[in-house]
């Protein structure tokens, strides 16, 4: 797999995980401290429909960049 593919996979998975995590927090009415920290870091991420979509976008971008960089560095350093 290329670093680009790994970046897309990591970004997609992190966006899905964050979306489900936020929806569960809204449903049960209790936000974990880690999720509260993430809402502070991701600008515009709130516990509304629009805010959760914004958070998913941030999560995808964050996961994509992180996955791409780690996969690229791994590929370069293991050659």
N, C-alpha and C. Protein backbone atom coordinates (compact mmCIF):
# COMPACT_ATOMS: atom_id res chain seq x y z
N UNK A 1 0.85 -1.18 0.00
CA UNK A 1 0.00 0.00 0.00
C UNK A 1 0.89 1.24 0.00
N UNK A 2 0.43 2.24 -0.67
CA UNK A 2 1.18 3.49 -0.73
C UNK A 2 0.82 4.37 0.47
N UNK A 3 1.68 5.33 0.79
CA UNK A 3 1.35 6.25 1.89
C UNK A 3 0.03 7.01 1.65
N UNK A 4 -0.28 7.31 0.40
CA UNK A 4 -1.53 8.00 0.09
C UNK A 4 -2.74 7.14 0.47
N UNK A 5 -2.69 5.86 0.12
CA UNK A 5 -3.78 4.96 0.47
C UNK A 5 -3.92 4.80 1.98
N UNK A 6 -2.79 4.67 2.65
CA UNK A 6 -2.83 4.54 4.11
C UNK A 6 -3.39 5.81 4.73
N UNK A 7 -3.02 6.97 4.20
CA UNK A 7 -3.56 8.23 4.70
C UNK A 7 -5.07 8.29 4.57
N UNK A 8 -5.60 7.87 3.40
CA UNK A 8 -7.05 7.87 3.22
C UNK A 8 -7.74 6.91 4.18
N UNK A 9 -7.17 5.75 4.38
CA UNK A 9 -7.78 4.77 5.28
C UNK A 9 -7.80 5.29 6.71
N UNK A 10 -6.67 5.80 7.18
CA UNK A 10 -6.59 6.30 8.56
C UNK A 10 -7.54 7.48 8.74
N UNK A 11 -7.58 8.39 7.76
CA UNK A 11 -8.48 9.53 7.85
C UNK A 11 -9.94 9.11 7.89
N UNK A 12 -10.31 8.17 7.05
CA UNK A 12 -11.69 7.70 7.00
C UNK A 12 -12.07 7.02 8.32
N UNK A 13 -11.19 6.17 8.82
CA UNK A 13 -11.49 5.45 10.06
C UNK A 13 -11.61 6.42 11.23
N UNK A 14 -10.69 7.40 11.32
CA UNK A 14 -10.74 8.35 12.43
C UNK A 14 -12.00 9.21 12.34
N UNK A 15 -12.42 9.59 11.13
CA UNK A 15 -13.64 10.38 10.98
C UNK A 15 -14.86 9.58 11.42
N UNK A 16 -14.93 8.31 11.06
CA UNK A 16 -16.05 7.46 11.47
C UNK A 16 -16.05 7.26 12.98
N UNK A 17 -14.89 6.98 13.56
CA UNK A 17 -14.80 6.76 15.00
C UNK A 17 -15.23 8.01 15.76
N UNK A 18 -14.75 9.17 15.34
CA UNK A 18 -15.11 10.40 16.04
C UNK A 18 -16.60 10.70 15.91
N UNK A 19 -17.17 10.47 14.74
CA UNK A 19 -18.60 10.70 14.54
C UNK A 19 -19.43 9.79 15.45
N UNK A 20 -19.12 8.52 15.48
CA UNK A 20 -19.86 7.58 16.33
C UNK A 20 -19.68 7.94 17.80
N UNK A 21 -18.46 8.29 18.19
CA UNK A 21 -18.16 8.67 19.56
C UNK A 21 -18.97 9.90 19.97
N UNK A 22 -19.05 10.89 19.09
CA UNK A 22 -19.83 12.10 19.39
C UNK A 22 -21.32 11.79 19.46
N UNK A 23 -21.81 10.95 18.56
CA UNK A 23 -23.23 10.60 18.58
C UNK A 23 -23.59 9.82 19.85
N UNK A 24 -22.71 8.95 20.29
CA UNK A 24 -22.96 8.22 21.54
C UNK A 24 -22.97 9.19 22.71
N UNK A 25 -22.04 10.15 22.72
CA UNK A 25 -21.99 11.12 23.80
C UNK A 25 -23.26 11.97 23.84
N UNK A 26 -23.77 12.35 22.67
CA UNK A 26 -25.02 13.11 22.61
C UNK A 26 -26.18 12.25 23.09
N UNK A 27 -26.20 10.99 22.71
CA UNK A 27 -27.29 10.10 23.08
C UNK A 27 -27.34 9.85 24.59
N UNK A 28 -26.19 9.57 25.20
CA UNK A 28 -26.21 9.29 26.63
C UNK A 28 -26.13 10.56 27.48
N UNK A 29 -25.79 11.68 26.87
CA UNK A 29 -25.77 12.95 27.58
C UNK A 29 -24.55 13.18 28.44
N UNK A 30 -23.49 12.44 28.19
CA UNK A 30 -22.27 12.59 28.98
C UNK A 30 -21.06 12.57 28.04
N UNK A 31 -20.23 13.60 28.16
CA UNK A 31 -19.05 13.72 27.30
C UNK A 31 -17.81 13.34 28.09
N UNK A 32 -16.99 12.46 27.53
CA UNK A 32 -15.75 12.07 28.21
C UNK A 32 -14.75 13.23 28.15
N UNK A 33 -13.82 13.27 29.09
CA UNK A 33 -12.83 14.35 29.09
C UNK A 33 -11.98 14.38 27.81
N UNK A 34 -11.66 13.22 27.25
CA UNK A 34 -10.87 13.20 26.02
C UNK A 34 -11.66 13.78 24.85
N UNK A 35 -12.94 13.46 24.76
CA UNK A 35 -13.77 14.01 23.70
C UNK A 35 -13.94 15.52 23.88
N UNK A 36 -14.03 15.98 25.11
CA UNK A 36 -14.10 17.42 25.37
C UNK A 36 -12.82 18.11 24.91
N UNK A 37 -11.69 17.47 25.11
CA UNK A 37 -10.42 18.03 24.63
C UNK A 37 -10.39 18.10 23.12
N UNK A 38 -10.90 17.08 22.46
CA UNK A 38 -10.94 17.08 21.00
C UNK A 38 -11.84 18.20 20.48
N UNK A 39 -12.96 18.46 21.16
CA UNK A 39 -13.82 19.57 20.74
C UNK A 39 -13.11 20.91 20.90
N UNK A 40 -12.19 20.98 21.82
CA UNK A 40 -11.42 22.21 22.01
C UNK A 40 -10.37 22.36 20.90
N UNK A 41 -9.78 21.25 20.45
CA UNK A 41 -8.71 21.30 19.45
C UNK A 41 -9.27 21.50 18.05
N UNK A 42 -10.35 20.80 17.70
CA UNK A 42 -10.94 20.89 16.36
C UNK A 42 -11.90 22.08 16.32
N UNK A 43 -11.51 23.14 15.66
CA UNK A 43 -12.31 24.36 15.55
C UNK A 43 -13.66 24.07 14.90
N UNK A 44 -14.73 24.44 15.55
CA UNK A 44 -16.07 24.26 15.00
C UNK A 44 -16.73 22.94 15.35
N UNK A 45 -16.02 22.04 16.02
CA UNK A 45 -16.58 20.76 16.40
C UNK A 45 -17.44 20.96 17.64
N UNK A 46 -18.74 20.77 17.48
CA UNK A 46 -19.70 20.91 18.57
C UNK A 46 -20.64 19.72 18.53
N UNK A 47 -21.50 19.62 19.51
CA UNK A 47 -22.43 18.50 19.58
C UNK A 47 -23.76 18.86 18.95
N UNK A 48 -23.69 19.34 17.70
CA UNK A 48 -24.84 19.58 16.84
C UNK A 48 -24.59 18.81 15.55
N UNK A 49 -25.60 18.72 14.70
CA UNK A 49 -25.43 18.00 13.44
C UNK A 49 -24.31 18.64 12.60
N UNK A 50 -24.35 19.95 12.48
CA UNK A 50 -23.32 20.65 11.70
C UNK A 50 -21.95 20.51 12.37
N UNK A 51 -21.91 20.65 13.68
CA UNK A 51 -20.65 20.55 14.41
C UNK A 51 -20.01 19.19 14.30
N UNK A 52 -20.82 18.15 14.31
CA UNK A 52 -20.28 16.80 14.19
C UNK A 52 -19.72 16.58 12.78
N UNK A 53 -20.37 17.14 11.77
CA UNK A 53 -19.84 17.04 10.41
C UNK A 53 -18.53 17.80 10.27
N UNK A 54 -18.45 18.96 10.90
CA UNK A 54 -17.20 19.73 10.89
C UNK A 54 -16.11 18.93 11.60
N UNK A 55 -16.45 18.33 12.72
CA UNK A 55 -15.48 17.50 13.44
C UNK A 55 -15.03 16.30 12.62
N UNK A 56 -15.94 15.71 11.88
CA UNK A 56 -15.57 14.58 11.02
C UNK A 56 -14.61 15.04 9.92
N UNK A 57 -14.82 16.23 9.41
CA UNK A 57 -13.90 16.77 8.41
C UNK A 57 -12.51 16.99 8.99
N UNK A 58 -12.47 17.58 10.18
CA UNK A 58 -11.19 17.77 10.86
C UNK A 58 -10.52 16.42 11.15
N UNK A 59 -11.31 15.46 11.59
CA UNK A 59 -10.77 14.15 11.92
C UNK A 59 -10.19 13.48 10.67
N UNK A 60 -10.90 13.61 9.55
CA UNK A 60 -10.38 13.03 8.31
C UNK A 60 -9.06 13.69 7.93
N UNK A 61 -9.01 15.02 7.99
CA UNK A 61 -7.79 15.73 7.63
C UNK A 61 -6.64 15.36 8.56
N UNK A 62 -6.93 15.31 9.84
CA UNK A 62 -5.92 14.96 10.84
C UNK A 62 -5.42 13.53 10.63
N UNK A 63 -6.35 12.60 10.46
CA UNK A 63 -5.97 11.21 10.24
C UNK A 63 -5.23 11.00 8.93
N UNK A 64 -5.66 11.71 7.88
CA UNK A 64 -4.99 11.58 6.59
C UNK A 64 -3.55 12.04 6.67
N UNK A 65 -3.34 13.22 7.22
CA UNK A 65 -1.98 13.76 7.31
C UNK A 65 -1.11 12.88 8.21
N UNK A 66 -1.64 12.49 9.35
CA UNK A 66 -0.88 11.64 10.27
C UNK A 66 -0.53 10.29 9.64
N UNK A 67 -1.53 9.65 9.04
CA UNK A 67 -1.29 8.36 8.40
C UNK A 67 -0.32 8.45 7.24
N UNK A 68 -0.45 9.49 6.43
CA UNK A 68 0.44 9.68 5.29
C UNK A 68 1.88 9.90 5.75
N UNK A 69 2.07 10.79 6.71
CA UNK A 69 3.43 11.11 7.17
C UNK A 69 4.08 9.89 7.81
N UNK A 70 3.35 9.18 8.66
CA UNK A 70 3.93 8.00 9.31
C UNK A 70 4.25 6.92 8.28
N UNK A 71 3.35 6.68 7.33
CA UNK A 71 3.60 5.66 6.31
C UNK A 71 4.77 6.06 5.40
N UNK A 72 4.84 7.34 5.06
CA UNK A 72 5.93 7.82 4.22
C UNK A 72 7.27 7.68 4.93
N UNK A 73 7.32 8.10 6.20
CA UNK A 73 8.55 7.98 6.94
C UNK A 73 8.97 6.51 7.12
N UNK A 74 8.00 5.67 7.38
CA UNK A 74 8.28 4.24 7.51
C UNK A 74 8.86 3.68 6.21
N UNK A 75 8.27 4.10 5.10
CA UNK A 75 8.73 3.63 3.78
C UNK A 75 10.15 4.12 3.50
N UNK A 76 10.41 5.38 3.81
CA UNK A 76 11.74 5.94 3.55
C UNK A 76 12.79 5.32 4.46
N UNK A 77 12.46 5.15 5.71
CA UNK A 77 13.45 4.67 6.67
C UNK A 77 13.70 3.17 6.60
N UNK A 78 12.81 2.41 5.97
CA UNK A 78 13.00 0.96 5.90
C UNK A 78 13.55 0.50 4.56
N UNK A 79 13.87 1.41 3.69
CA UNK A 79 14.40 1.02 2.36
C UNK A 79 15.84 0.66 2.44
